[in-house]
C-alpha cells in the first residue's frame, strides 16, 4: 500500500513516517500544504492519504481532499487535533474513511490502515 502523508507539524509528520515504515507500507511523500497534497495525490499512484485538517497554506485538508476526489477516488484518514463539529460536517459531505485524534496511537493507526487494505483486496 502506498501512502501520502499530509501534515504541517514536522514532528508529527516524522512520527507518522516512522509508524508507516514500521508497518511495512510505502510512503509516496510527506507534504505540509493543501496545494502540495492535491498535486502529489493526483500526480502519483497512491492508495491512501493521511491528512491533517489544518495545513500550512490557505487550502485546508477538507478542501484539498475535495479537489483530489474530483480526479481520483483515494480514501483519506483525517488526523486532527481539531474535532470541531463544523469540520466533521464538512468532511462528511465529501466522504472520508476515518478520523484519528492527535496524538496518534500506533495500534489505532495500524488497525485503521489494515481495514482499508482489506477492503482494497
N, C-alpha and C. Protein backbone atom coordinates (compact mmCIF):
# COMPACT_ATOMS: atom_id res chain seq x y z
N UNK A 1 0.84 -1.17 0.00
CA UNK A 1 0.00 0.00 0.00
C UNK A 1 0.89 1.24 0.00
N UNK A 2 0.54 2.21 -0.84
CA UNK A 2 1.30 3.45 -0.99
C UNK A 2 0.52 4.60 -0.34
N UNK A 3 1.19 5.31 0.57
CA UNK A 3 0.52 6.30 1.41
C UNK A 3 1.14 7.68 1.25
N UNK A 4 0.27 8.69 1.14
CA UNK A 4 0.67 10.09 1.14
C UNK A 4 0.36 10.66 2.53
N UNK A 5 1.34 11.30 3.14
CA UNK A 5 1.15 11.94 4.45
C UNK A 5 1.06 13.45 4.22
N UNK A 6 0.00 14.06 4.76
CA UNK A 6 -0.20 15.50 4.65
C UNK A 6 -0.34 16.04 6.07
N UNK A 7 0.73 16.60 6.59
CA UNK A 7 0.77 17.05 7.99
C UNK A 7 1.71 18.24 8.10
N UNK A 8 1.24 19.34 8.69
CA UNK A 8 2.07 20.54 8.79
C UNK A 8 2.98 20.56 10.02
N UNK A 9 2.74 19.69 10.98
CA UNK A 9 3.60 19.59 12.15
C UNK A 9 4.74 18.63 11.81
N UNK A 10 5.94 19.16 11.69
CA UNK A 10 7.07 18.35 11.22
C UNK A 10 7.36 17.17 12.15
N UNK A 11 7.23 17.37 13.45
CA UNK A 11 7.49 16.29 14.40
C UNK A 11 6.47 15.17 14.20
N UNK A 12 5.19 15.52 14.08
CA UNK A 12 4.16 14.51 13.86
C UNK A 12 4.33 13.84 12.51
N UNK A 13 4.70 14.61 11.50
CA UNK A 13 4.93 14.03 10.18
C UNK A 13 6.03 12.96 10.24
N UNK A 14 7.12 13.28 10.92
CA UNK A 14 8.20 12.31 11.05
C UNK A 14 7.76 11.08 11.85
N UNK A 15 6.95 11.30 12.88
CA UNK A 15 6.43 10.18 13.67
C UNK A 15 5.53 9.28 12.81
N UNK A 16 4.66 9.89 12.00
CA UNK A 16 3.80 9.11 11.11
C UNK A 16 4.62 8.33 10.09
N UNK A 17 5.66 8.97 9.56
CA UNK A 17 6.52 8.28 8.60
C UNK A 17 7.17 7.06 9.24
N UNK A 18 7.62 7.22 10.47
CA UNK A 18 8.24 6.10 11.18
C UNK A 18 7.21 4.98 11.38
N UNK A 19 6.00 5.33 11.79
CA UNK A 19 4.96 4.33 12.00
C UNK A 19 4.63 3.58 10.71
N UNK A 20 4.49 4.33 9.62
CA UNK A 20 4.15 3.73 8.32
C UNK A 20 5.26 2.79 7.88
N UNK A 21 6.50 3.21 8.07
CA UNK A 21 7.64 2.35 7.72
C UNK A 21 7.64 1.07 8.55
N UNK A 22 7.35 1.19 9.85
CA UNK A 22 7.30 0.02 10.72
C UNK A 22 6.20 -0.95 10.31
N UNK A 23 5.13 -0.42 9.74
CA UNK A 23 4.04 -1.27 9.27
C UNK A 23 4.34 -1.90 7.91
N UNK A 24 5.41 -1.47 7.27
CA UNK A 24 5.83 -2.06 6.01
C UNK A 24 5.18 -1.46 4.78
N UNK A 25 4.55 -0.30 4.92
CA UNK A 25 3.93 0.35 3.78
C UNK A 25 4.90 1.35 3.16
N UNK A 26 4.61 1.78 1.93
CA UNK A 26 5.44 2.72 1.20
C UNK A 26 4.89 4.13 1.36
N UNK A 27 5.77 5.06 1.62
CA UNK A 27 5.37 6.47 1.71
C UNK A 27 5.68 7.12 0.37
N UNK A 28 4.64 7.63 -0.27
CA UNK A 28 4.81 8.32 -1.56
C UNK A 28 5.51 9.65 -1.33
N UNK A 29 5.05 10.39 -0.32
CA UNK A 29 5.63 11.69 0.01
C UNK A 29 5.03 12.14 1.34
N UNK A 30 5.65 13.15 1.93
CA UNK A 30 5.12 13.80 3.13
C UNK A 30 5.15 15.30 2.85
N UNK A 31 3.97 15.92 2.80
CA UNK A 31 3.85 17.33 2.46
C UNK A 31 3.11 18.06 3.57
N UNK A 32 3.20 19.40 3.58
CA UNK A 32 2.58 20.17 4.65
C UNK A 32 1.53 21.16 4.18
N UNK A 33 1.31 21.24 2.89
CA UNK A 33 0.37 22.22 2.33
C UNK A 33 -0.75 21.52 1.56
N UNK A 34 -1.92 22.14 1.58
CA UNK A 34 -3.04 21.60 0.82
C UNK A 34 -2.76 21.57 -0.66
N UNK A 35 -2.14 22.62 -1.18
CA UNK A 35 -1.82 22.66 -2.61
C UNK A 35 -0.87 21.53 -2.99
N UNK A 36 0.10 21.25 -2.14
CA UNK A 36 1.05 20.15 -2.39
C UNK A 36 0.34 18.81 -2.32
N UNK A 37 -0.61 18.69 -1.40
CA UNK A 37 -1.36 17.44 -1.27
C UNK A 37 -2.14 17.15 -2.55
N UNK A 38 -2.79 18.16 -3.08
CA UNK A 38 -3.58 17.99 -4.31
C UNK A 38 -2.67 17.54 -5.45
N UNK A 39 -1.59 18.28 -5.65
CA UNK A 39 -0.66 17.98 -6.74
C UNK A 39 -0.08 16.57 -6.60
N UNK A 40 0.39 16.24 -5.41
CA UNK A 40 1.05 14.95 -5.19
C UNK A 40 0.09 13.79 -5.32
N UNK A 41 -1.11 13.93 -4.77
CA UNK A 41 -2.09 12.84 -4.84
C UNK A 41 -2.54 12.58 -6.28
N UNK A 42 -2.71 13.64 -7.04
CA UNK A 42 -3.18 13.48 -8.42
C UNK A 42 -2.05 12.97 -9.33
N UNK A 43 -0.84 13.46 -9.10
CA UNK A 43 0.30 13.08 -9.95
C UNK A 43 0.77 11.66 -9.71
N UNK A 44 0.67 11.18 -8.48
CA UNK A 44 1.23 9.89 -8.11
C UNK A 44 0.15 8.83 -7.92
N UNK A 45 0.59 7.60 -7.97
CA UNK A 45 -0.28 6.47 -7.71
C UNK A 45 -0.25 6.21 -6.21
N UNK A 46 -1.29 6.60 -5.50
CA UNK A 46 -1.30 6.36 -4.06
C UNK A 46 -2.62 5.70 -3.66
N UNK A 47 -2.56 4.90 -2.61
CA UNK A 47 -3.70 4.11 -2.17
C UNK A 47 -4.43 4.71 -0.99
N UNK A 48 -3.77 5.60 -0.26
CA UNK A 48 -4.33 6.15 0.97
C UNK A 48 -3.67 7.48 1.27
N UNK A 49 -4.47 8.40 1.85
CA UNK A 49 -3.94 9.68 2.29
C UNK A 49 -4.20 9.81 3.79
N UNK A 50 -3.14 10.12 4.54
CA UNK A 50 -3.27 10.50 5.95
C UNK A 50 -3.15 12.01 5.97
N UNK A 51 -4.23 12.72 6.39
CA UNK A 51 -4.23 14.17 6.22
C UNK A 51 -4.74 14.90 7.45
N UNK A 52 -3.96 15.90 7.85
CA UNK A 52 -4.39 16.84 8.88
C UNK A 52 -5.44 17.76 8.26
N UNK A 53 -6.28 18.37 9.08
CA UNK A 53 -7.27 19.32 8.56
C UNK A 53 -6.65 20.71 8.42
N UNK A 54 -5.93 21.16 9.43
CA UNK A 54 -5.30 22.48 9.39
C UNK A 54 -3.90 22.32 8.79
N UNK A 55 -3.65 23.04 7.68
CA UNK A 55 -2.38 22.90 6.96
C UNK A 55 -1.67 24.24 6.82
N UNK A 56 -0.50 24.22 6.18
CA UNK A 56 0.38 25.39 6.09
C UNK A 56 0.01 26.40 5.01
N UNK A 57 -1.11 26.29 4.38
CA UNK A 57 -1.50 27.29 3.39
C UNK A 57 -2.99 27.57 3.48
N UNK A 58 -3.54 28.23 2.49
CA UNK A 58 -4.95 28.64 2.52
C UNK A 58 -5.91 27.49 2.21
N UNK A 59 -5.38 26.35 1.83
CA UNK A 59 -6.22 25.19 1.49
C UNK A 59 -6.13 24.21 2.64
N UNK A 60 -7.23 24.03 3.35
CA UNK A 60 -7.20 23.07 4.46
C UNK A 60 -7.36 21.64 3.93
N UNK A 61 -7.23 20.67 4.82
CA UNK A 61 -7.29 19.27 4.42
C UNK A 61 -8.62 18.86 3.80
N UNK A 62 -9.69 19.48 4.24
CA UNK A 62 -11.00 19.13 3.70
C UNK A 62 -11.14 19.65 2.27
N UNK A 63 -10.75 20.90 2.05
CA UNK A 63 -10.81 21.44 0.69
C UNK A 63 -9.83 20.73 -0.25
N UNK A 64 -8.66 20.38 0.27
CA UNK A 64 -7.69 19.65 -0.55
C UNK A 64 -8.28 18.30 -0.98
N UNK A 65 -8.91 17.61 -0.03
CA UNK A 65 -9.48 16.31 -0.37
C UNK A 65 -10.64 16.45 -1.35
N UNK A 66 -11.40 17.52 -1.23
CA UNK A 66 -12.50 17.77 -2.18
C UNK A 66 -11.93 17.86 -3.60
N UNK A 67 -10.82 18.57 -3.76
CA UNK A 67 -10.18 18.70 -5.08
C UNK A 67 -9.65 17.35 -5.57
N UNK A 68 -9.01 16.62 -4.69
CA UNK A 68 -8.47 15.31 -5.06
C UNK A 68 -9.59 14.38 -5.50
N UNK A 69 -10.70 14.35 -4.76
CA UNK A 69 -11.81 13.44 -5.06
C UNK A 69 -12.45 13.72 -6.42
N UNK A 70 -12.29 14.94 -6.94
CA UNK A 70 -12.83 15.24 -8.27
C UNK A 70 -12.06 14.51 -9.36
N UNK A 71 -10.83 14.10 -9.05
CA UNK A 71 -9.97 13.45 -10.03
C UNK A 71 -9.75 11.97 -9.71
N UNK A 72 -9.54 11.66 -8.42
CA UNK A 72 -9.23 10.28 -8.01
C UNK A 72 -10.02 9.90 -6.77
N UNK A 73 -10.37 8.64 -6.69
CA UNK A 73 -11.07 8.12 -5.53
C UNK A 73 -10.06 7.42 -4.62
N UNK A 74 -9.45 8.21 -3.75
CA UNK A 74 -8.44 7.70 -2.82
C UNK A 74 -9.00 7.88 -1.41
N UNK A 75 -9.02 6.84 -0.60
CA UNK A 75 -9.53 7.01 0.77
C UNK A 75 -8.61 7.92 1.59
N UNK A 76 -9.22 8.67 2.50
CA UNK A 76 -8.47 9.56 3.38
C UNK A 76 -8.79 9.23 4.84
N UNK A 77 -7.77 9.31 5.66
CA UNK A 77 -7.94 9.26 7.11
C UNK A 77 -7.50 10.63 7.60
N UNK A 78 -8.42 11.35 8.23
CA UNK A 78 -8.06 12.64 8.80
C UNK A 78 -7.40 12.41 10.15
N UNK A 79 -6.28 13.08 10.35
CA UNK A 79 -5.57 13.05 11.62
C UNK A 79 -5.59 14.47 12.13
N UNK A 80 -6.31 14.68 13.23
CA UNK A 80 -6.51 16.06 13.66
C UNK A 80 -6.63 16.21 15.16
N UNK A 81 -6.22 17.36 15.61
CA UNK A 81 -6.44 17.75 17.00
C UNK A 81 -7.65 18.67 17.07
N UNK A 82 -8.23 18.94 15.90
CA UNK A 82 -9.36 19.86 15.80
C UNK A 82 -10.60 19.08 15.39
N UNK A 83 -11.33 18.57 16.36
CA UNK A 83 -12.54 17.80 16.03
C UNK A 83 -13.78 18.69 16.14
N UNK A 84 -13.66 19.88 15.57
CA UNK A 84 -14.75 20.85 15.51
C UNK A 84 -15.93 20.23 14.75
N UNK A 85 -17.14 20.30 15.31
CA UNK A 85 -18.32 19.72 14.63
C UNK A 85 -18.53 20.26 13.22
N UNK A 86 -18.19 21.53 13.00
CA UNK A 86 -18.36 22.09 11.66
C UNK A 86 -17.41 21.39 10.67
N UNK A 87 -16.17 21.14 11.08
CA UNK A 87 -15.23 20.43 10.21
C UNK A 87 -15.70 19.01 9.95
N UNK A 88 -16.25 18.36 10.96
CA UNK A 88 -16.76 17.00 10.79
C UNK A 88 -17.89 16.99 9.76
N UNK A 89 -18.80 17.96 9.84
CA UNK A 89 -19.89 18.05 8.85
C UNK A 89 -19.34 18.29 7.44
N UNK A 90 -18.36 19.19 7.33
CA UNK A 90 -17.75 19.46 6.02
C UNK A 90 -17.11 18.19 5.46
N UNK A 91 -16.40 17.47 6.30
CA UNK A 91 -15.75 16.23 5.86
C UNK A 91 -16.78 15.18 5.47
N UNK A 92 -17.86 15.07 6.22
CA UNK A 92 -18.89 14.09 5.90
C UNK A 92 -19.54 14.37 4.54
N UNK A 93 -19.64 15.63 4.16
CA UNK A 93 -20.22 15.99 2.85
C UNK A 93 -19.37 15.46 1.69
N UNK A 94 -18.07 15.38 1.90
CA UNK A 94 -17.17 14.88 0.85
C UNK A 94 -17.05 13.37 0.91
N UNK A 95 -17.05 12.86 2.13
CA UNK A 95 -16.81 11.44 2.34
C UNK A 95 -15.37 11.24 2.77
N UNK A 96 -15.16 10.42 3.76
CA UNK A 96 -13.82 10.13 4.25
C UNK A 96 -13.88 8.76 4.89
N UNK A 97 -12.73 8.18 5.15
CA UNK A 97 -12.71 6.85 5.73
C UNK A 97 -12.81 6.90 7.24
N UNK A 98 -11.99 7.72 7.89
CA UNK A 98 -11.98 7.75 9.35
C UNK A 98 -11.29 9.00 9.85
N UNK A 99 -11.49 9.29 11.14
CA UNK A 99 -10.79 10.34 11.86
C UNK A 99 -9.93 9.68 12.92
N UNK A 100 -8.70 10.11 13.06
CA UNK A 100 -7.86 9.72 14.19
C UNK A 100 -7.46 11.00 14.91
N UNK A 101 -7.53 10.98 16.23
CA UNK A 101 -7.18 12.15 17.02
C UNK A 101 -5.69 12.18 17.32
N UNK A 102 -5.17 13.40 17.43
CA UNK A 102 -3.80 13.58 17.86
C UNK A 102 -3.78 13.52 19.38
N UNK A 103 -2.80 12.96 20.00
CA UNK A 103 -1.67 12.27 19.40
C UNK A 103 -2.10 10.91 18.84
N UNK A 104 -1.52 10.54 17.72
CA UNK A 104 -1.87 9.30 17.04
C UNK A 104 -1.32 8.11 17.83
N UNK A 105 -2.18 7.16 18.04
CA UNK A 105 -1.79 5.92 18.74
C UNK A 105 -1.47 4.87 17.68
N UNK A 106 -0.29 4.29 17.78
CA UNK A 106 0.21 3.35 16.77
C UNK A 106 -0.81 2.25 16.46
N UNK A 107 -1.37 1.59 17.48
CA UNK A 107 -2.29 0.48 17.24
C UNK A 107 -3.57 0.93 16.54
N UNK A 108 -4.06 2.14 16.84
CA UNK A 108 -5.25 2.65 16.15
C UNK A 108 -4.95 2.91 14.68
N UNK A 109 -3.80 3.50 14.42
CA UNK A 109 -3.39 3.74 13.04
C UNK A 109 -3.25 2.43 12.29
N UNK A 110 -2.59 1.48 12.92
CA UNK A 110 -2.37 0.17 12.32
C UNK A 110 -3.69 -0.50 11.94
N UNK A 111 -4.65 -0.51 12.86
CA UNK A 111 -5.94 -1.17 12.60
C UNK A 111 -6.75 -0.44 11.54
N UNK A 112 -6.69 0.88 11.55
CA UNK A 112 -7.44 1.66 10.56
C UNK A 112 -6.88 1.42 9.16
N UNK A 113 -5.57 1.44 9.04
CA UNK A 113 -4.95 1.17 7.73
C UNK A 113 -5.21 -0.27 7.30
N UNK A 114 -5.11 -1.19 8.22
CA UNK A 114 -5.35 -2.60 7.90
C UNK A 114 -6.77 -2.81 7.36
N UNK A 115 -7.75 -2.15 7.96
CA UNK A 115 -9.13 -2.32 7.48
C UNK A 115 -9.31 -1.76 6.07
N UNK A 116 -8.63 -0.66 5.76
CA UNK A 116 -8.68 -0.13 4.39
C UNK A 116 -8.00 -1.10 3.43
N UNK A 117 -6.85 -1.62 3.82
CA UNK A 117 -6.11 -2.55 2.99
C UNK A 117 -6.96 -3.79 2.68
N UNK A 118 -7.66 -4.30 3.69
CA UNK A 118 -8.53 -5.47 3.46
C UNK A 118 -9.66 -5.16 2.50
N UNK A 119 -10.23 -3.97 2.58
CA UNK A 119 -11.30 -3.58 1.66
C UNK A 119 -10.81 -3.49 0.22
N UNK A 120 -9.54 -3.11 0.07
CA UNK A 120 -8.98 -2.95 -1.28
C UNK A 120 -8.68 -4.29 -1.94
N UNK A 121 -8.47 -5.31 -1.15
CA UNK A 121 -8.08 -6.61 -1.71
C UNK A 121 -9.21 -7.59 -1.78
